[in-house]
């Protein structure tokens, strides 16, 4: 029964598996009428989608920045509806991309030092074909090398123990750059994303206050991994804080078992009227 609106999805420009063309086909098949591409630290597929989107489907340019707050809290900030030519936004893009690649090389180093796992130059070249190279790409290669049973096993056993320190863009920089570009900064999966430890209510409220002080405009209240009760908890907090309500599946193609248009774990349909952010987009 999924929703016809989905404001959080990834392509093969980051850690998804669909090309923009394949994603568009899957969107049409799923009956999605409003969507955003939110690749990690890159807008490559968003720019391509702008050129191929047909009439009858509303496309919103998006991005997902991996961030850290001044207090040290990790979070993901979506930017929706930005002008990609804005200079501050371009600078944030370059910073996010550099930090993502720094993290990649550090993970390769730590896997060698901690586990004796060596990647050849050919392996690294293959991994770097994706501009948004991250955990999923390395994990899939570890599976190919026979070092793990599946992607989740590889991440849990090898990648997560390799702590990379501060290799994320400052949340205040990301939020302000998105606003400068005329976009809306949204805290993605604020209670924790796929494979992440769930935030306590206290930690959630502390980080929310911090992000609001930076200029946060929205909260991803409807999310594929959350039951409806948690989604409504987030809706209540968004409304009390004067934030816009967003929702997305976090679709990654075959990299994650999440269908397009699933905005809660119970697959309850979420219509236009429940997503106040759409009035601003």
C-alpha atoms as a PDB file:
ATOM      1  CA  UNK A   1       0.000   0.000   0.000  1.00  0.00           C
ATOM      2  CA  UNK A   2       3.009   2.357   0.096  1.00  0.00           C
ATOM      3  CA  UNK A   3       2.954   6.114  -0.266  1.00  0.00           C
ATOM      4  CA  UNK A   4       3.102   8.017  -3.552  1.00  0.00           C
ATOM      5  CA  UNK A   5       5.552  10.521  -2.029  1.00  0.00           C
ATOM      6  CA  UNK A   6       9.148   9.623  -1.129  1.00  0.00           C
ATOM      7  CA  UNK A   7      11.676  12.333  -0.224  1.00  0.00           C
ATOM      8  CA  UNK A   8      14.684  10.151   0.649  1.00  0.00           C
ATOM      9  CA  UNK A   9      16.331   7.751  -1.812  1.00  0.00           C
ATOM     10  CA  UNK A  10      19.767   6.916  -3.184  1.00  0.00           C
ATOM     11  CA  UNK A  11      21.257   6.029  -6.560  1.00  0.00           C
ATOM     12  CA  UNK A  12      24.510   4.446  -7.689  1.00  0.00           C
ATOM     13  CA  UNK A  13      26.147   7.863  -7.440  1.00  0.00           C
ATOM     14  CA  UNK A  14      26.374   7.120  -3.710  1.00  0.00           C
ATOM     15  CA  UNK A  15      25.488   3.825  -2.009  1.00  0.00           C
ATOM     16  CA  UNK A  16      22.384   2.804  -3.949  1.00  0.00           C
ATOM     17  CA  UNK A  17      22.347   0.412  -6.898  1.00  0.00           C
ATOM     18  CA  UNK A  18      19.920   2.096  -9.354  1.00  0.00           C
ATOM     19  CA  UNK A  19      21.113   4.430 -12.068  1.00  0.00           C
ATOM     20  CA  UNK A  20      18.926   7.542 -12.458  1.00  0.00           C
ATOM     21  CA  UNK A  21      17.227   5.876 -15.431  1.00  0.00           C
ATOM     22  CA  UNK A  22      16.561   2.657 -13.493  1.00  0.00           C
ATOM     23  CA  UNK A  23      15.345   4.637 -10.482  1.00  0.00           C
ATOM     24  CA  UNK A  24      12.901   6.584 -12.645  1.00  0.00           C
ATOM     25  CA  UNK A  25      11.528   3.337 -14.076  1.00  0.00           C
ATOM     26  CA  UNK A  26      11.116   1.893 -10.572  1.00  0.00           C
ATOM     27  CA  UNK A  27       9.455   5.109  -9.363  1.00  0.00           C
ATOM     28  CA  UNK A  28       6.907   4.967 -12.164  1.00  0.00           C
ATOM     29  CA  UNK A  29       6.292   1.271 -11.498  1.00  0.00           C
ATOM     30  CA  UNK A  30       5.726   2.007  -7.784  1.00  0.00           C
ATOM     31  CA  UNK A  31       3.284   4.826  -8.531  1.00  0.00           C
ATOM     32  CA  UNK A  32       5.473   7.505  -6.920  1.00  0.00           C
ATOM     33  CA  UNK A  33       4.399  10.988  -8.039  1.00  0.00           C
ATOM     34  CA  UNK A  34       6.641  13.202  -5.854  1.00  0.00           C
ATOM     35  CA  UNK A  35      10.224  12.262  -5.003  1.00  0.00           C
ATOM     36  CA  UNK A  36      13.712  13.496  -4.158  1.00  0.00           C
ATOM     37  CA  UNK A  37      17.128  11.965  -4.771  1.00  0.00           C
ATOM     38  CA  UNK A  38      19.255  12.425  -1.654  1.00  0.00           C
ATOM     39  CA  UNK A  39      22.622  10.870  -2.449  1.00  0.00           C
ATOM     40  CA  UNK A  40      25.452  11.168   0.055  1.00  0.00           C
ATOM     41  CA  UNK A  41      27.567  14.287  -0.527  1.00  0.00           C
ATOM     42  CA  UNK A  42      26.924  14.355  -4.287  1.00  0.00           C
ATOM     43  CA  UNK A  43      24.286  15.797  -6.628  1.00  0.00           C
ATOM     44  CA  UNK A  44      25.446  13.956  -9.768  1.00  0.00           C
ATOM     45  CA  UNK A  45      22.265  11.884 -10.142  1.00  0.00           C
ATOM     46  CA  UNK A  46      19.998  14.779  -9.166  1.00  0.00           C
ATOM     47  CA  UNK A  47      21.395  16.843 -12.023  1.00  0.00           C
ATOM     48  CA  UNK A  48      20.856  13.957 -14.445  1.00  0.00           C
ATOM     49  CA  UNK A  49      17.305  13.345 -13.208  1.00  0.00           C
ATOM     50  CA  UNK A  50      16.449  16.992 -13.943  1.00  0.00           C
ATOM     51  CA  UNK A  51      17.150  16.286 -17.613  1.00  0.00           C
ATOM     52  CA  UNK A  52      15.105  13.094 -17.946  1.00  0.00           C
ATOM     53  CA  UNK A  53      12.104  13.594 -15.644  1.00  0.00           C
ATOM     54  CA  UNK A  54       8.822  13.257 -17.559  1.00  0.00           C
ATOM     55  CA  UNK A  55       5.681  15.324 -17.077  1.00  0.00           C
ATOM     56  CA  UNK A  56       3.327  14.193 -14.357  1.00  0.00           C
ATOM     57  CA  UNK A  57       6.044  13.462 -11.784  1.00  0.00           C
ATOM     58  CA  UNK A  58       7.333  16.110  -9.358  1.00  0.00           C
ATOM     59  CA  UNK A  59      11.101  15.855  -8.813  1.00  0.00           C
ATOM     60  CA  UNK A  60      12.861  17.684  -5.967  1.00  0.00           C
ATOM     61  CA  UNK A  61      16.623  17.993  -5.919  1.00  0.00           C
ATOM     62  CA  UNK A  62      18.107  16.651  -2.713  1.00  0.00           C
ATOM     63  CA  UNK A  63      21.293  15.649  -0.949  1.00  0.00           C
ATOM     64  CA  UNK A  64      22.284  13.933   2.297  1.00  0.00           C
ATOM     65  CA  UNK A  65      25.241  15.297   4.254  1.00  0.00           C
ATOM     66  CA  UNK A  66      26.914  13.122   6.897  1.00  0.00           C
ATOM     67  CA  UNK A  67      27.381  15.610   9.723  1.00  0.00           C
ATOM     68  CA  UNK A  68      28.626  16.132  13.246  1.00  0.00           C
ATOM     69  CA  UNK A  69      27.373  18.793  15.643  1.00  0.00           C
ATOM     70  CA  UNK A  70      29.499  21.041  17.837  1.00  0.00           C
ATOM     71  CA  UNK A  71      28.710  18.776  20.810  1.00  0.00           C
ATOM     72  CA  UNK A  72      29.925  15.722  18.872  1.00  0.00           C
ATOM     73  CA  UNK A  73      26.558  14.194  17.933  1.00  0.00           C
ATOM     74  CA  UNK A  74      26.499  12.413  14.576  1.00  0.00           C
ATOM     75  CA  UNK A  75      23.545  13.109  12.304  1.00  0.00           C
ATOM     76  CA  UNK A  76      22.476  13.150   8.676  1.00  0.00           C
ATOM     77  CA  UNK A  77      21.077  16.342   7.169  1.00  0.00           C
ATOM     78  CA  UNK A  78      18.997  16.288   4.005  1.00  0.00           C
ATOM     79  CA  UNK A  79      18.924  19.348   1.778  1.00  0.00           C
ATOM     80  CA  UNK A  80      15.761  19.647  -0.342  1.00  0.00           C
ATOM     81  CA  UNK A  81      14.966  22.137  -3.094  1.00  0.00           C
ATOM     82  CA  UNK A  82      18.326  23.933  -3.243  1.00  0.00           C
ATOM     83  CA  UNK A  83      19.950  25.967  -6.021  1.00  0.00           C
ATOM     84  CA  UNK A  84      23.030  23.920  -6.883  1.00  0.00           C
ATOM     85  CA  UNK A  85      24.818  26.982  -8.261  1.00  0.00           C
ATOM     86  CA  UNK A  86      24.948  28.740  -4.892  1.00  0.00           C
ATOM     87  CA  UNK A  87      28.589  29.284  -3.873  1.00  0.00           C
ATOM     88  CA  UNK A  88      28.138  28.332  -0.211  1.00  0.00           C
ATOM     89  CA  UNK A  89      26.356  25.138  -1.238  1.00  0.00           C
ATOM     90  CA  UNK A  90      29.119  24.309  -3.715  1.00  0.00           C
ATOM     91  CA  UNK A  91      31.726  24.778  -0.983  1.00  0.00           C
ATOM     92  CA  UNK A  92      29.798  22.468   1.362  1.00  0.00           C
ATOM     93  CA  UNK A  93      29.619  19.891  -1.443  1.00  0.00           C
ATOM     94  CA  UNK A  94      33.381  20.012  -1.926  1.00  0.00           C
ATOM     95  CA  UNK A  95      33.967  19.723   1.827  1.00  0.00           C
ATOM     96  CA  UNK A  96      31.577  16.780   2.185  1.00  0.00           C
ATOM     97  CA  UNK A  97      33.118  14.995  -0.796  1.00  0.00           C
ATOM     98  CA  UNK A  98      36.669  15.482   0.497  1.00  0.00           C
ATOM     99  CA  UNK A  99      35.773  14.219   3.969  1.00  0.00           C
ATOM    100  CA  UNK A 100      34.003  11.170   2.478  1.00  0.00           C
ATOM    101  CA  UNK A 101      37.131  10.279   0.506  1.00  0.00           C
ATOM    102  CA  UNK A 102      39.349  10.925   3.524  1.00  0.00           C
ATOM    103  CA  UNK A 103      37.167   8.503   5.496  1.00  0.00           C
ATOM    104  CA  UNK A 104      37.415   5.927   2.694  1.00  0.00           C
ATOM    105  CA  UNK A 105      41.228   5.921   2.700  1.00  0.00           C
ATOM    106  CA  UNK A 106      41.317   5.862   6.492  1.00  0.00           C
ATOM    107  CA  UNK A 107      39.007   2.822   6.555  1.00  0.00           C
ATOM    108  CA  UNK A 108      41.235   1.024   4.046  1.00  0.00           C
ATOM    109  CA  UNK A 109      44.239   1.775   6.285  1.00  0.00           C
ATOM    110  CA  UNK A 110      42.463   0.642   9.464  1.00  0.00           C
ATOM    111  CA  UNK A 111      41.238  -2.588   7.865  1.00  0.00           C
ATOM    112  CA  UNK A 112      44.862  -3.400   6.995  1.00  0.00           C
ATOM    113  CA  UNK A 113      46.203  -2.467  10.433  1.00  0.00           C
ATOM    114  CA  UNK A 114      43.408  -4.009  12.523  1.00  0.00           C
ATOM    115  CA  UNK A 115      42.491  -7.085  10.485  1.00  0.00           C
ATOM    116  CA  UNK A 116      45.311  -7.630   7.986  1.00  0.00           C
ATOM    117  CA  UNK A 117      42.934  -7.039   5.069  1.00  0.00           C
ATOM    118  CA  UNK A 118      44.740  -5.659   2.033  1.00  0.00           C
ATOM    119  CA  UNK A 119      43.079  -4.022  -0.960  1.00  0.00           C
ATOM    120  CA  UNK A 120      44.938  -3.971  -4.275  1.00  0.00           C
ATOM    121  CA  UNK A 121      45.221  -0.860  -6.435  1.00  0.00           C
ATOM    122  CA  UNK A 122      42.667  -2.469  -8.736  1.00  0.00           C
ATOM    123  CA  UNK A 123      40.284  -2.950  -5.790  1.00  0.00           C
ATOM    124  CA  UNK A 124      40.622   0.693  -4.781  1.00  0.00           C
ATOM    125  CA  UNK A 125      40.143   1.934  -8.354  1.00  0.00           C
ATOM    126  CA  UNK A 126      36.984  -0.157  -8.599  1.00  0.00           C
ATOM    127  CA  UNK A 127      35.625   1.220  -5.312  1.00  0.00           C
ATOM    128  CA  UNK A 128      36.375   4.803  -6.305  1.00  0.00           C
ATOM    129  CA  UNK A 129      34.209   4.533  -9.417  1.00  0.00           C
ATOM    130  CA  UNK A 130      31.395   5.591  -7.121  1.00  0.00           C
ATOM    131  CA  UNK A 131      31.706   9.289  -6.160  1.00  0.00           C
ATOM    132  CA  UNK A 132      29.858   8.534  -2.914  1.00  0.00           C
ATOM    133  CA  UNK A 133      31.990   5.570  -1.890  1.00  0.00           C
ATOM    134  CA  UNK A 134      31.200   4.403   1.639  1.00  0.00           C
ATOM    135  CA  UNK A 135      30.574   1.488   3.980  1.00  0.00           C
ATOM    136  CA  UNK A 136      28.325  -0.454   1.631  1.00  0.00           C
ATOM    137  CA  UNK A 137      30.857  -0.481  -1.212  1.00  0.00           C
ATOM    138  CA  UNK A 138      33.709  -1.688   0.999  1.00  0.00           C
ATOM    139  CA  UNK A 139      31.448  -4.247   2.663  1.00  0.00           C
ATOM    140  CA  UNK A 140      30.340  -5.681  -0.679  1.00  0.00           C
ATOM    141  CA  UNK A 141      33.967  -6.103  -1.697  1.00  0.00           C
ATOM    142  CA  UNK A 142      34.749  -7.880   1.579  1.00  0.00           C
ATOM    143  CA  UNK A 143      31.914 -10.289   0.758  1.00  0.00           C
ATOM    144  CA  UNK A 144      33.347 -10.801  -2.746  1.00  0.00           C
ATOM    145  CA  UNK A 145      36.700 -11.644  -1.157  1.00  0.00           C
ATOM    146  CA  UNK A 146      34.983 -14.302   0.965  1.00  0.00           C
ATOM    147  CA  UNK A 147      35.686 -12.495   4.232  1.00  0.00           C
ATOM    148  CA  UNK A 148      32.055 -12.083   5.292  1.00  0.00           C
ATOM    149  CA  UNK A 149      28.744 -13.822   4.727  1.00  0.00           C
ATOM    150  CA  UNK A 150      26.914 -10.682   3.614  1.00  0.00           C
ATOM    151  CA  UNK A 151      27.114  -6.894   3.607  1.00  0.00           C
ATOM    152  CA  UNK A 152      25.668  -6.545   7.109  1.00  0.00           C
ATOM    153  CA  UNK A 153      28.134  -9.095   8.487  1.00  0.00           C
ATOM    154  CA  UNK A 154      31.053  -7.261   6.862  1.00  0.00           C
ATOM    155  CA  UNK A 155      29.972  -3.899   8.298  1.00  0.00           C
ATOM    156  CA  UNK A 156      29.431  -5.284  11.800  1.00  0.00           C
ATOM    157  CA  UNK A 157      32.560  -7.458  11.908  1.00  0.00           C
ATOM    158  CA  UNK A 158      35.117  -5.278  10.151  1.00  0.00           C
ATOM    159  CA  UNK A 159      34.009  -1.756   9.250  1.00  0.00           C
ATOM    160  CA  UNK A 160      32.179  -0.496  12.350  1.00  0.00           C
ATOM    161  CA  UNK A 161      35.106  -1.386  14.678  1.00  0.00           C
ATOM    162  CA  UNK A 162      37.358   0.852  12.547  1.00  0.00           C
ATOM    163  CA  UNK A 163      36.651   4.221  14.152  1.00  0.00           C
ATOM    164  CA  UNK A 164      37.420   7.064  11.771  1.00  0.00           C
ATOM    165  CA  UNK A 165      37.075  10.027  14.138  1.00  0.00           C
ATOM    166  CA  UNK A 166      35.930  13.409  12.824  1.00  0.00           C
ATOM    167  CA  UNK A 167      35.500  12.756   9.119  1.00  0.00           C
ATOM    168  CA  UNK A 168      32.081  14.405   8.790  1.00  0.00           C
ATOM    169  CA  UNK A 169      31.101  17.898   7.731  1.00  0.00           C
ATOM    170  CA  UNK A 170      30.089  20.293  10.520  1.00  0.00           C
ATOM    171  CA  UNK A 171      26.305  20.256  10.837  1.00  0.00           C
ATOM    172  CA  UNK A 172      26.140  24.036  11.214  1.00  0.00           C
ATOM    173  CA  UNK A 173      28.008  24.448   7.904  1.00  0.00           C
ATOM    174  CA  UNK A 174      25.701  22.019   6.087  1.00  0.00           C
ATOM    175  CA  UNK A 175      22.513  23.593   7.464  1.00  0.00           C
ATOM    176  CA  UNK A 176      23.590  27.142   6.662  1.00  0.00           C
ATOM    177  CA  UNK A 177      24.803  26.186   3.164  1.00  0.00           C
ATOM    178  CA  UNK A 178      21.456  24.551   2.325  1.00  0.00           C
ATOM    179  CA  UNK A 179      19.564  27.619   3.568  1.00  0.00           C
ATOM    180  CA  UNK A 180      21.896  29.928   1.629  1.00  0.00           C
ATOM    181  CA  UNK A 181      21.010  27.949  -1.507  1.00  0.00           C
ATOM    182  CA  UNK A 182      17.293  28.446  -0.891  1.00  0.00           C
ATOM    183  CA  UNK A 183      16.811  24.861   0.269  1.00  0.00           C
ATOM    184  CA  UNK A 184      15.286  23.256   3.346  1.00  0.00           C
ATOM    185  CA  UNK A 185      17.598  21.421   5.786  1.00  0.00           C
ATOM    186  CA  UNK A 186      15.929  18.328   7.297  1.00  0.00           C
ATOM    187  CA  UNK A 187      17.238  16.007  10.011  1.00  0.00           C
ATOM    188  CA  UNK A 188      17.105  12.536   8.432  1.00  0.00           C
ATOM    189  CA  UNK A 189      16.024   9.450  10.462  1.00  0.00           C
ATOM    190  CA  UNK A 190      16.468  11.408  13.716  1.00  0.00           C
ATOM    191  CA  UNK A 191      16.037   8.399  15.996  1.00  0.00           C
ATOM    192  CA  UNK A 192      18.736   6.475  14.120  1.00  0.00           C
ATOM    193  CA  UNK A 193      19.048   5.076  10.616  1.00  0.00           C
ATOM    194  CA  UNK A 194      19.512   1.566   9.285  1.00  0.00           C
ATOM    195  CA  UNK A 195      22.232  -0.232  11.257  1.00  0.00           C
ATOM    196  CA  UNK A 196      22.636   2.661  13.703  1.00  0.00           C
ATOM    197  CA  UNK A 197      22.045   2.613  17.441  1.00  0.00           C
ATOM    198  CA  UNK A 198      18.680   4.140  18.301  1.00  0.00           C
ATOM    199  CA  UNK A 199      18.892   7.500  20.047  1.00  0.00           C
ATOM    200  CA  UNK A 200      17.479   7.845  23.516  1.00  0.00           C
ATOM    201  CA  UNK A 201      14.745  10.438  23.940  1.00  0.00           C
ATOM    202  CA  UNK A 202      17.184  12.618  25.891  1.00  0.00           C
ATOM    203  CA  UNK A 203      19.873  12.472  23.195  1.00  0.00           C
ATOM    204  CA  UNK A 204      17.271  13.146  20.498  1.00  0.00           C
ATOM    205  CA  UNK A 205      16.009  16.265  22.275  1.00  0.00           C
ATOM    206  CA  UNK A 206      19.545  17.561  22.937  1.00  0.00           C
ATOM    207  CA  UNK A 207      20.570  17.183  19.296  1.00  0.00           C
ATOM    208  CA  UNK A 208      17.267  18.622  18.088  1.00  0.00           C
ATOM    209  CA  UNK A 209      17.811  21.788  20.149  1.00  0.00           C
ATOM    210  CA  UNK A 210      21.319  22.096  18.760  1.00  0.00           C
ATOM    211  CA  UNK A 211      20.198  21.684  15.142  1.00  0.00           C
ATOM    212  CA  UNK A 212      17.321  24.138  15.568  1.00  0.00           C
ATOM    213  CA  UNK A 213      19.851  26.696  16.806  1.00  0.00           C
ATOM    214  CA  UNK A 214      21.762  26.189  13.532  1.00  0.00           C
ATOM    215  CA  UNK A 215      18.605  26.874  11.507  1.00  0.00           C
ATOM    216  CA  UNK A 216      17.102  23.404  10.942  1.00  0.00           C
ATOM    217  CA  UNK A 217      13.786  23.656   9.063  1.00  0.00           C
ATOM    218  CA  UNK A 218      12.409  20.116   9.014  1.00  0.00           C
ATOM    219  CA  UNK A 219      12.310  16.678  10.597  1.00  0.00           C
ATOM    220  CA  UNK A 220      12.033  13.347   8.768  1.00  0.00           C
ATOM    221  CA  UNK A 221       9.172  12.058  10.891  1.00  0.00           C
ATOM    222  CA  UNK A 222       7.954   9.345   8.535  1.00  0.00           C
ATOM    223  CA  UNK A 223      10.718   6.814   7.883  1.00  0.00           C
ATOM    224  CA  UNK A 224      10.719   3.230   6.634  1.00  0.00           C
ATOM    225  CA  UNK A 225      12.328   1.699   9.734  1.00  0.00           C
ATOM    226  CA  UNK A 226      10.062   3.373  12.306  1.00  0.00           C
ATOM    227  CA  UNK A 227       6.706   2.030  13.513  1.00  0.00           C
ATOM    228  CA  UNK A 228       3.800   4.462  13.317  1.00  0.00           C
ATOM    229  CA  UNK A 229       4.039   5.228  17.052  1.00  0.00           C
ATOM    230  CA  UNK A 230       7.603   6.521  16.637  1.00  0.00           C
ATOM    231  CA  UNK A 231       6.641   8.464  13.531  1.00  0.00           C
ATOM    232  CA  UNK A 232       3.857  10.180  15.478  1.00  0.00           C
ATOM    233  CA  UNK A 233       6.284  10.910  18.342  1.00  0.00           C
ATOM    234  CA  UNK A 234       8.470  12.732  15.825  1.00  0.00           C
ATOM    235  CA  UNK A 235       5.473  14.528  14.312  1.00  0.00           C
ATOM    236  CA  UNK A 236       4.531  15.822  17.766  1.00  0.00           C
ATOM    237  CA  UNK A 237       8.074  17.079  18.353  1.00  0.00           C
ATOM    238  CA  UNK A 238       8.212  18.726  14.924  1.00  0.00           C
ATOM    239  CA  UNK A 239       4.920  20.531  15.483  1.00  0.00           C
ATOM    240  CA  UNK A 240       5.941  21.722  18.956  1.00  0.00           C
ATOM    241  CA  UNK A 241       9.239  22.998  17.546  1.00  0.00           C
ATOM    242  CA  UNK A 242       7.722  24.707  14.510  1.00  0.00           C
ATOM    243  CA  UNK A 243       9.482  22.351  12.093  1.00  0.00           C
ATOM    244  CA  UNK A 244       8.252  21.056   8.753  1.00  0.00           C
ATOM    245  CA  UNK A 245       7.351  17.366   8.519  1.00  0.00           C
ATOM    246  CA  UNK A 246       9.102  15.240   5.899  1.00  0.00           C
ATOM    247  CA  UNK A 247       9.160  11.558   5.054  1.00  0.00           C
ATOM    248  CA  UNK A 248      11.185   9.081   3.029  1.00  0.00           C
ATOM    249  CA  UNK A 249      12.010   5.432   2.567  1.00  0.00           C
ATOM    250  CA  UNK A 250      15.835   5.643   2.368  1.00  0.00           C
ATOM    251  CA  UNK A 251      15.631   3.393  -0.694  1.00  0.00           C
ATOM    252  CA  UNK A 252      18.989   1.962  -1.827  1.00  0.00           C
ATOM    253  CA  UNK A 253      17.974  -0.475  -4.561  1.00  0.00           C
ATOM    254  CA  UNK A 254      19.302  -3.973  -3.847  1.00  0.00           C
ATOM    255  CA  UNK A 255      21.724  -2.695  -1.189  1.00  0.00           C
ATOM    256  CA  UNK A 256      18.896  -2.523   1.387  1.00  0.00           C
ATOM    257  CA  UNK A 257      15.576  -4.397   1.556  1.00  0.00           C
ATOM    258  CA  UNK A 258      13.502  -1.187   1.570  1.00  0.00           C
ATOM    259  CA  UNK A 259      10.843  -0.627  -1.123  1.00  0.00           C
ATOM    260  CA  UNK A 260      10.109   2.769  -2.610  1.00  0.00           C
ATOM    261  CA  UNK A 261       7.309   4.653  -0.904  1.00  0.00           C
ATOM    262  CA  UNK A 262       7.576   2.865   2.444  1.00  0.00           C
ATOM    263  CA  UNK A 263       7.450   5.667   5.007  1.00  0.00           C
ATOM    264  CA  UNK A 264       6.990   3.524   8.133  1.00  0.00           C
ATOM    265  CA  UNK A 265       7.631  -0.080   9.100  1.00  0.00           C
ATOM    266  CA  UNK A 266       3.910  -0.907   9.021  1.00  0.00           C
ATOM    267  CA  UNK A 267       3.596   0.378   5.448  1.00  0.00           C
ATOM    268  CA  UNK A 268       0.779   2.742   6.370  1.00  0.00           C
ATOM    269  CA  UNK A 269       0.184   5.138   3.494  1.00  0.00           C
ATOM    270  CA  UNK A 270       1.337   8.705   4.152  1.00  0.00           C
ATOM    271  CA  UNK A 271      -0.433  11.291   2.019  1.00  0.00           C
ATOM    272  CA  UNK A 272       0.337  14.852   0.971  1.00  0.00           C
ATOM    273  CA  UNK A 273      -1.569  16.276   3.936  1.00  0.00           C
ATOM    274  CA  UNK A 274       0.792  14.611   6.456  1.00  0.00           C
ATOM    275  CA  UNK A 275       3.960  16.087   4.936  1.00  0.00           C
ATOM    276  CA  UNK A 276       3.886  19.829   5.577  1.00  0.00           C
ATOM    277  CA  UNK A 277       7.265  20.297   3.888  1.00  0.00           C
ATOM    278  CA  UNK A 278       5.622  19.797   0.481  1.00  0.00           C
ATOM    279  CA  UNK A 279       3.872  23.177   0.783  1.00  0.00           C
ATOM    280  CA  UNK A 280       7.331  24.805   0.833  1.00  0.00           C
ATOM    281  CA  UNK A 281       8.736  22.749  -2.043  1.00  0.00           C
END
